[in-house]
Structure formats: C-alpha cells, structure tokens
PDB file of N, CA and C in Angstrom:
ATOM      1  N   UNK A   1       0.849  -1.171   0.000  1.00  0.00           N
ATOM      2  CA  UNK A   1       0.000   0.000   0.000  1.00  0.00           C
ATOM      3  C   UNK A   1       0.894   1.233   0.000  1.00  0.00           C
ATOM      4  N   UNK A   2       0.419   2.305  -0.630  1.00  0.00           N
ATOM      5  CA  UNK A   2       1.165   3.552  -0.592  1.00  0.00           C
ATOM      6  C   UNK A   2       0.206   4.725  -0.672  1.00  0.00           C
ATOM      7  N   UNK A   3       0.705   5.878  -0.219  1.00  0.00           N
ATOM      8  CA  UNK A   3      -0.072   7.107  -0.306  1.00  0.00           C
ATOM      9  C   UNK A   3       0.737   8.133  -1.086  1.00  0.00           C
ATOM     10  N   UNK A   4       0.038   9.078  -1.716  1.00  0.00           N
ATOM     11  CA  UNK A   4       0.660  10.188  -2.417  1.00  0.00           C
ATOM     12  C   UNK A   4      -0.007  11.462  -1.933  1.00  0.00           C
ATOM     13  N   UNK A   5       0.820  12.417  -1.493  1.00  0.00           N
ATOM     14  CA  UNK A   5       0.308  13.704  -1.032  1.00  0.00           C
ATOM     15  C   UNK A   5       1.078  14.805  -1.732  1.00  0.00           C
ATOM     16  N   UNK A   6       0.369  15.814  -2.206  1.00  0.00           N
ATOM     17  CA  UNK A   6       1.012  16.971  -2.837  1.00  0.00           C
ATOM     18  C   UNK A   6       1.020  18.099  -1.821  1.00  0.00           C
ATOM     19  N   UNK A   7       2.232  18.508  -1.414  1.00  0.00           N
ATOM     20  CA  UNK A   7       2.387  19.619  -0.487  1.00  0.00           C
ATOM     21  C   UNK A   7       2.830  20.850  -1.264  1.00  0.00           C
ATOM     22  N   UNK A   8       3.037  21.952  -0.574  1.00  0.00           N
ATOM     23  CA  UNK A   8       3.391  23.211  -1.235  1.00  0.00           C
ATOM     24  C   UNK A   8       4.621  23.085  -2.115  1.00  0.00           C
ATOM     25  N   UNK A   9       5.711  22.508  -1.597  1.00  0.00           N
ATOM     26  CA  UNK A   9       6.964  22.460  -2.345  1.00  0.00           C
ATOM     27  C   UNK A   9       7.443  21.050  -2.657  1.00  0.00           C
ATOM     28  N   UNK A  10       6.640  20.038  -2.354  1.00  0.00           N
ATOM     29  CA  UNK A  10       7.089  18.660  -2.577  1.00  0.00           C
ATOM     30  C   UNK A  10       5.905  17.739  -2.783  1.00  0.00           C
ATOM     31  N   UNK A  11       6.190  16.623  -3.425  1.00  0.00           N
ATOM     32  CA  UNK A  11       5.252  15.509  -3.481  1.00  0.00           C
ATOM     33  C   UNK A  11       5.793  14.446  -2.546  1.00  0.00           C
ATOM     34  N   UNK A  12       4.945  13.912  -1.672  1.00  0.00           N
ATOM     35  CA  UNK A  12       5.376  12.948  -0.672  1.00  0.00           C
ATOM     36  C   UNK A  12       4.686  11.615  -0.938  1.00  0.00           C
ATOM     37  N   UNK A  13       5.497  10.579  -1.159  1.00  0.00           N
ATOM     38  CA  UNK A  13       5.000   9.225  -1.347  1.00  0.00           C
ATOM     39  C   UNK A  13       5.404   8.427  -0.114  1.00  0.00           C
ATOM     40  N   UNK A  14       4.460   7.738   0.502  1.00  0.00           N
ATOM     41  CA  UNK A  14       4.741   6.894   1.658  1.00  0.00           C
ATOM     42  C   UNK A  14       4.435   5.455   1.284  1.00  0.00           C
ATOM     43  N   UNK A  15       5.460   4.599   1.396  1.00  0.00           N
ATOM     44  CA  UNK A  15       5.293   3.170   1.124  1.00  0.00           C
ATOM     45  C   UNK A  15       5.042   2.464   2.450  1.00  0.00           C
ATOM     46  N   UNK A  16       3.926   1.790   2.557  1.00  0.00           N
ATOM     47  CA  UNK A  16       3.527   1.116   3.789  1.00  0.00           C
ATOM     48  C   UNK A  16       3.677  -0.380   3.573  1.00  0.00           C
ATOM     49  N   UNK A  17       4.517  -1.006   4.395  1.00  0.00           N
ATOM     50  CA  UNK A  17       4.790  -2.436   4.241  1.00  0.00           C
ATOM     51  C   UNK A  17       3.562  -3.232   4.655  1.00  0.00           C
ATOM     52  N   UNK A  18       3.178  -4.158   3.817  1.00  0.00           N
ATOM     53  CA  UNK A  18       2.062  -5.052   4.117  1.00  0.00           C
ATOM     54  C   UNK A  18       2.514  -6.481   3.839  1.00  0.00           C
ATOM     55  N   UNK A  19       2.123  -7.373   4.684  1.00  0.00           N
ATOM     56  CA  UNK A  19       2.434  -8.790   4.485  1.00  0.00           C
ATOM     57  C   UNK A  19       1.313  -9.596   5.125  1.00  0.00           C
ATOM     58  N   UNK A  20       1.052 -10.779   4.599  1.00  0.00           N
ATOM     59  CA  UNK A  20       0.066 -11.629   5.260  1.00  0.00           C
ATOM     60  C   UNK A  20       0.471 -11.888   6.713  1.00  0.00           C
ATOM     61  N   UNK A  21      -0.519 -11.961   7.584  1.00  0.00           N
ATOM     62  CA  UNK A  21      -0.258 -12.140   9.016  1.00  0.00           C
ATOM     63  C   UNK A  21       0.621 -13.355   9.270  1.00  0.00           C
ATOM     64  N   UNK A  22       1.691 -13.158  10.042  1.00  0.00           N
ATOM     65  CA  UNK A  22       2.592 -14.245  10.392  1.00  0.00           C
ATOM     66  C   UNK A  22       3.598 -14.590   9.313  1.00  0.00           C
ATOM     67  N   UNK A  23       3.548 -13.911   8.170  1.00  0.00           N
ATOM     68  CA  UNK A  23       4.449 -14.219   7.059  1.00  0.00           C
ATOM     69  C   UNK A  23       5.867 -13.760   7.338  1.00  0.00           C
ATOM     70  N   UNK A  24       6.034 -12.532   7.823  1.00  0.00           N
ATOM     71  CA  UNK A  24       7.345 -11.975   8.134  1.00  0.00           C
ATOM     72  C   UNK A  24       7.140 -10.717   8.953  1.00  0.00           C
ATOM     73  N   UNK A  25       8.190 -10.255   9.622  1.00  0.00           N
ATOM     74  CA  UNK A  25       8.047  -8.982  10.343  1.00  0.00           C
ATOM     75  C   UNK A  25       7.864  -7.822   9.358  1.00  0.00           C
ATOM     76  N   UNK A  26       7.060  -6.861   9.750  1.00  0.00           N
ATOM     77  CA  UNK A  26       6.844  -5.701   8.889  1.00  0.00           C
ATOM     78  C   UNK A  26       7.997  -4.716   9.038  1.00  0.00           C
ATOM     79  N   UNK A  27       8.356  -4.060   7.943  1.00  0.00           N
ATOM     80  CA  UNK A  27       9.358  -2.999   7.966  1.00  0.00           C
ATOM     81  C   UNK A  27       8.669  -1.667   8.219  1.00  0.00           C
ATOM     82  N   UNK A  28       9.444  -0.693   8.662  1.00  0.00           N
ATOM     83  CA  UNK A  28       8.916   0.653   8.876  1.00  0.00           C
ATOM     84  C   UNK A  28       8.532   1.277   7.529  1.00  0.00           C
ATOM     85  N   UNK A  29       7.634   2.246   7.571  1.00  0.00           N
ATOM     86  CA  UNK A  29       7.228   2.954   6.360  1.00  0.00           C
ATOM     87  C   UNK A  29       8.438   3.641   5.723  1.00  0.00           C
ATOM     88  N   UNK A  30       8.424   3.746   4.416  1.00  0.00           N
ATOM     89  CA  UNK A  30       9.429   4.499   3.670  1.00  0.00           C
ATOM     90  C   UNK A  30       8.739   5.747   3.143  1.00  0.00           C
ATOM     91  N   UNK A  31       9.333   6.916   3.431  1.00  0.00           N
ATOM     92  CA  UNK A  31       8.769   8.183   2.983  1.00  0.00           C
ATOM     93  C   UNK A  31       9.701   8.768   1.927  1.00  0.00           C
ATOM     94  N   UNK A  32       9.156   9.099   0.755  1.00  0.00           N
ATOM     95  CA  UNK A  32       9.922   9.649  -0.353  1.00  0.00           C
ATOM     96  C   UNK A  32       9.374  11.033  -0.651  1.00  0.00           C
ATOM     97  N   UNK A  33      10.229  12.038  -0.514  1.00  0.00           N
ATOM     98  CA  UNK A  33       9.833  13.416  -0.787  1.00  0.00           C
ATOM     99  C   UNK A  33      10.536  13.879  -2.059  1.00  0.00           C
ATOM    100  N   UNK A  34       9.775  14.337  -3.034  1.00  0.00           N
ATOM    101  CA  UNK A  34      10.365  14.809  -4.285  1.00  0.00           C
ATOM    102  C   UNK A  34      10.228  16.319  -4.382  1.00  0.00           C
ATOM    103  N   UNK A  35      11.350  16.966  -4.653  1.00  0.00           N
ATOM    104  CA  UNK A  35      11.409  18.411  -4.828  1.00  0.00           C
ATOM    105  C   UNK A  35      11.853  18.705  -6.256  1.00  0.00           C
ATOM    106  N   UNK A  36      11.985  19.973  -6.606  1.00  0.00           N
ATOM    107  CA  UNK A  36      12.427  20.350  -7.951  1.00  0.00           C
ATOM    108  C   UNK A  36      13.851  19.902  -8.247  1.00  0.00           C
ATOM    109  N   UNK A  37      14.705  19.819  -7.223  1.00  0.00           N
ATOM    110  CA  UNK A  37      16.129  19.562  -7.442  1.00  0.00           C
ATOM    111  C   UNK A  37      16.687  18.341  -6.713  1.00  0.00           C
ATOM    112  N   UNK A  38      15.850  17.617  -5.954  1.00  0.00           N
ATOM    113  CA  UNK A  38      16.349  16.484  -5.179  1.00  0.00           C
ATOM    114  C   UNK A  38      15.199  15.572  -4.763  1.00  0.00           C
ATOM    115  N   UNK A  39      15.582  14.382  -4.326  1.00  0.00           N
ATOM    116  CA  UNK A  39      14.638  13.409  -3.782  1.00  0.00           C
ATOM    117  C   UNK A  39      15.193  12.963  -2.432  1.00  0.00           C
ATOM    118  N   UNK A  40      14.339  12.927  -1.422  1.00  0.00           N
ATOM    119  CA  UNK A  40      14.752  12.503  -0.087  1.00  0.00           C
ATOM    120  C   UNK A  40      13.992  11.228   0.263  1.00  0.00           C
ATOM    121  N   UNK A  41      14.742  10.194   0.676  1.00  0.00           N
ATOM    122  CA  UNK A  41      14.160   8.918   1.095  1.00  0.00           C
ATOM    123  C   UNK A  41      14.437   8.766   2.583  1.00  0.00           C
ATOM    124  N   UNK A  42      13.403   8.510   3.373  1.00  0.00           N
ATOM    125  CA  UNK A  42      13.546   8.380   4.827  1.00  0.00           C
ATOM    126  C   UNK A  42      12.888   7.096   5.319  1.00  0.00           C
ATOM    127  N   UNK A  43      13.496   6.509   6.359  1.00  0.00           N
ATOM    128  CA  UNK A  43      12.907   5.363   7.043  1.00  0.00           C
ATOM    129  C   UNK A  43      13.411   5.353   8.476  1.00  0.00           C
ATOM    130  N   UNK A  44      12.517   5.063   9.416  1.00  0.00           N
ATOM    131  CA  UNK A  44      12.899   4.988  10.810  1.00  0.00           C
ATOM    132  C   UNK A  44      13.564   3.642  11.097  1.00  0.00           C
ATOM    133  N   UNK A  45      14.623   3.675  11.924  1.00  0.00           N
ATOM    134  CA  UNK A  45      15.289   2.457  12.368  1.00  0.00           C
ATOM    135  C   UNK A  45      14.645   2.076  13.698  1.00  0.00           C
ATOM    136  N   UNK A  46      13.932   0.957  13.758  1.00  0.00           N
ATOM    137  CA  UNK A  46      13.180   0.634  14.978  1.00  0.00           C
ATOM    138  C   UNK A  46      14.057   0.412  16.209  1.00  0.00           C
ATOM    139  N   UNK A  47      15.285  -0.047  16.028  1.00  0.00           N
ATOM    140  CA  UNK A  47      16.149  -0.308  17.184  1.00  0.00           C
ATOM    141  C   UNK A  47      16.592   0.972  17.880  1.00  0.00           C
ATOM    142  N   UNK A  48      16.741   2.056  17.129  1.00  0.00           N
ATOM    143  CA  UNK A  48      17.257   3.294  17.719  1.00  0.00           C
ATOM    144  C   UNK A  48      16.257   4.445  17.668  1.00  0.00           C
ATOM    145  N   UNK A  49      15.120   4.253  17.030  1.00  0.00           N
ATOM    146  CA  UNK A  49      14.117   5.309  16.838  1.00  0.00           C
ATOM    147  C   UNK A  49      14.699   6.526  16.128  1.00  0.00           C
ATOM    148  N   UNK A  50      15.753   6.322  15.324  1.00  0.00           N
ATOM    149  CA  UNK A  50      16.319   7.390  14.509  1.00  0.00           C
ATOM    150  C   UNK A  50      15.782   7.258  13.085  1.00  0.00           C
ATOM    151  N   UNK A  51      15.716   8.381  12.419  1.00  0.00           N
ATOM    152  CA  UNK A  51      15.291   8.378  11.023  1.00  0.00           C
ATOM    153  C   UNK A  51      16.546   8.450  10.156  1.00  0.00           C
ATOM    154  N   UNK A  52      16.674   7.512   9.243  1.00  0.00           N
ATOM    155  CA  UNK A  52      17.774   7.508   8.287  1.00  0.00           C
ATOM    156  C   UNK A  52      17.297   8.244   7.049  1.00  0.00           C
ATOM    157  N   UNK A  53      18.118   9.171   6.569  1.00  0.00           N
ATOM    158  CA  UNK A  53      17.737  10.001   5.421  1.00  0.00           C
ATOM    159  C   UNK A  53      18.794   9.885   4.331  1.00  0.00           C
ATOM    160  N   UNK A  54      18.332   9.687   3.109  1.00  0.00           N
ATOM    161  CA  UNK A  54      19.208   9.660   1.937  1.00  0.00           C
ATOM    162  C   UNK A  54      18.713  10.750   0.997  1.00  0.00           C
ATOM    163  N   UNK A  55      19.629  11.617   0.570  1.00  0.00           N
ATOM    164  CA  UNK A  55      19.286  12.687  -0.363  1.00  0.00           C
ATOM    165  C   UNK A  55      19.946  12.368  -1.704  1.00  0.00           C
ATOM    166  N   UNK A  56      19.138  12.307  -2.760  1.00  0.00           N
ATOM    167  CA  UNK A  56      19.630  12.026  -4.107  1.00  0.00           C
ATOM    168  C   UNK A  56      19.373  13.233  -5.004  1.00  0.00           C
ATOM    169  N   UNK A  57      20.371  13.580  -5.823  1.00  0.00           N
ATOM    170  CA  UNK A  57      20.122  14.587  -6.857  1.00  0.00           C
ATOM    171  C   UNK A  57      19.257  13.930  -7.932  1.00  0.00           C
ATOM    172  N   UNK A  58      18.697  14.741  -8.802  1.00  0.00           N
ATOM    173  CA  UNK A  58      17.875  14.176  -9.867  1.00  0.00           C
ATOM    174  C   UNK A  58      18.719  13.331 -10.814  1.00  0.00           C
ATOM    175  N   UNK A  59      20.002  13.694 -10.996  1.00  0.00           N
ATOM    176  CA  UNK A  59      20.897  12.880 -11.829  1.00  0.00           C
ATOM    177  C   UNK A  59      21.136  11.516 -11.178  1.00  0.00           C
ATOM    178  N   UNK A  60      21.363  11.507  -9.869  1.00  0.00           N
ATOM    179  CA  UNK A  60      21.544  10.234  -9.168  1.00  0.00           C
ATOM    180  C   UNK A  60      20.288   9.378  -9.275  1.00  0.00           C
ATOM    181  N   UNK A  61      19.130   9.999  -9.189  1.00  0.00           N
ATOM    182  CA  UNK A  61      17.877   9.260  -9.320  1.00  0.00           C
ATOM    183  C   UNK A  61      17.749   8.652 -10.713  1.00  0.00           C
ATOM    184  N   UNK A  62      18.143   9.399 -11.733  1.00  0.00           N
ATOM    185  CA  UNK A  62      18.106   8.873 -13.102  1.00  0.00           C
ATOM    186  C   UNK A  62      19.055   7.686 -13.238  1.00  0.00           C
ATOM    187  N   UNK A  63      20.247   7.773 -12.622  1.00  0.00           N
ATOM    188  CA  UNK A  63      21.188   6.659 -12.663  1.00  0.00           C
ATOM    189  C   UNK A  63      20.627   5.440 -11.936  1.00  0.00           C
ATOM    190  N   UNK A  64      19.983   5.650 -10.799  1.00  0.00           N
ATOM    191  CA  UNK A  64      19.374   4.539 -10.070  1.00  0.00           C
ATOM    192  C   UNK A  64      18.287   3.887 -10.908  1.00  0.00           C
ATOM    193  N   UNK A  65      17.458   4.694 -11.539  1.00  0.00           N
ATOM    194  CA  UNK A  65      16.386   4.173 -12.388  1.00  0.00           C
ATOM    195  C   UNK A  65      16.967   3.303 -13.503  1.00  0.00           C
ATOM    196  N   UNK A  66      18.038   3.778 -14.139  1.00  0.00           N
ATOM    197  CA  UNK A  66      18.678   3.013 -15.213  1.00  0.00           C
ATOM    198  C   UNK A  66      19.323   1.738 -14.667  1.00  0.00           C
ATOM    199  N   UNK A  67      19.947   1.832 -13.513  1.00  0.00           N
ATOM    200  CA  UNK A  67      20.660   0.689 -12.934  1.00  0.00           C
ATOM    201  C   UNK A  67      19.730  -0.472 -12.613  1.00  0.00           C
ATOM    202  N   UNK A  68      18.487  -0.188 -12.321  1.00  0.00           N
ATOM    203  CA  UNK A  68      17.544  -1.251 -11.983  1.00  0.00           C
ATOM    204  C   UNK A  68      17.260  -2.169 -13.167  1.00  0.00           C
ATOM    205  N   UNK A  69      17.568  -1.699 -14.380  1.00  0.00           N
ATOM    206  CA  UNK A  69      17.261  -2.472 -15.582  1.00  0.00           C
ATOM    207  C   UNK A  69      18.491  -2.888 -16.373  1.00  0.00           C
ATOM    208  N   UNK A  70      19.675  -2.759 -15.787  1.00  0.00           N
ATOM    209  CA  UNK A  70      20.909  -3.088 -16.497  1.00  0.00           C
ATOM    210  C   UNK A  70      21.610  -4.269 -15.844  1.00  0.00           C
ATOM    211  N   UNK A  71      22.382  -5.031 -16.636  1.00  0.00           N
ATOM    212  CA  UNK A  71      23.168  -6.116 -16.047  1.00  0.00           C
ATOM    213  C   UNK A  71      24.386  -5.557 -15.306  1.00  0.00           C
ATOM    214  N   UNK A  72      25.085  -6.414 -14.605  1.00  0.00           N
ATOM    215  CA  UNK A  72      26.282  -6.041 -13.861  1.00  0.00           C
ATOM    216  C   UNK A  72      27.278  -5.336 -14.778  1.00  0.00           C
ATOM    217  N   UNK A  73      27.934  -4.298 -14.267  1.00  0.00           N
ATOM    218  CA  UNK A  73      28.924  -3.581 -15.065  1.00  0.00           C
ATOM    219  C   UNK A  73      29.070  -2.154 -14.595  1.00  0.00           C
ATOM    220  N   UNK A  74      29.925  -1.399 -15.295  1.00  0.00           N
ATOM    221  CA  UNK A  74      30.133   0.025 -15.024  1.00  0.00           C
ATOM    222  C   UNK A  74      29.477   0.844 -16.121  1.00  0.00           C
ATOM    223  N   UNK A  75      28.767   1.880 -15.737  1.00  0.00           N
ATOM    224  CA  UNK A  75      28.024   2.681 -16.708  1.00  0.00           C
ATOM    225  C   UNK A  75      28.144   4.156 -16.374  1.00  0.00           C
ATOM    226  N   UNK A  76      27.952   4.999 -17.388  1.00  0.00           N
ATOM    227  CA  UNK A  76      27.852   6.441 -17.204  1.00  0.00           C
ATOM    228  C   UNK A  76      26.723   6.922 -18.100  1.00  0.00           C
ATOM    229  N   UNK A  77      25.767   7.610 -17.504  1.00  0.00           N
ATOM    230  CA  UNK A  77      24.697   8.199 -18.314  1.00  0.00           C
ATOM    231  C   UNK A  77      25.210   9.493 -18.917  1.00  0.00           C
ATOM    232  N   UNK A  78      25.089   9.619 -20.203  1.00  0.00           N
ATOM    233  CA  UNK A  78      25.492  10.850 -20.878  1.00  0.00           C
ATOM    234  C   UNK A  78      24.358  11.856 -20.771  1.00  0.00           C
ATOM    235  N   UNK A  79      24.709  13.061 -20.368  1.00  0.00           N
ATOM    236  CA  UNK A  79      23.708  14.123 -20.279  1.00  0.00           C
ATOM    237  C   UNK A  79      23.783  14.959 -21.540  1.00  0.00           C
ATOM    238  N   UNK A  80      22.644  15.363 -22.073  1.00  0.00           N
ATOM    239  CA  UNK A  80      22.655  16.177 -23.292  1.00  0.00           C
ATOM    240  C   UNK A  80      23.383  17.496 -23.053  1.00  0.00           C
ATOM    241  N   UNK A  81      24.144  17.939 -24.029  1.00  0.00           N
ATOM    242  CA  UNK A  81      24.908  19.188 -23.906  1.00  0.00           C
ATOM    243  C   UNK A  81      24.046  20.399 -24.129  1.00  0.00           C
TER     244      UNK A  81
END
C-alpha cells in the first residue's frame, strides 16, 4: 500500500509495508519526498528510533532508475549538452 500527497513544495509518497499475518516482520514505512532539485528517502530504524535520510540529486535518481534495468557492469549516463 502507498499514499501520495502533494504539499506546497514537494510531493510525498509513503510506502507502507504489508504482508500476510505471520508471514514476516513488517518494515517501517518508507517516505519519499520529491522536490524540484532532489529526492529525499527516509525510514525509521526501529532499534534506535532514529530516522535515516538519503538525499539524491535528480541525476543520481536517473542513474538509479537506469541501474535497476541493467546487467552487472560500469556505466555512465550521458547528459545532453
């Protein structure tokens, strides 16, 4: 399950872990905030109650998107001049 909310300066997507009862332990929600120039991914660590935050530039996000569909290797995305 997930939710999408449009705020003033960001779109916030929350991924809510769901699993059949007794199948496995549930993970904490993942919150993804998208801005004009960056994407922030957050998840709480249940052992420490700290929130881990990863900030990606839009170029890094494009590389991640491409990497999900490529075989093992080294790659560089060429940006238009």
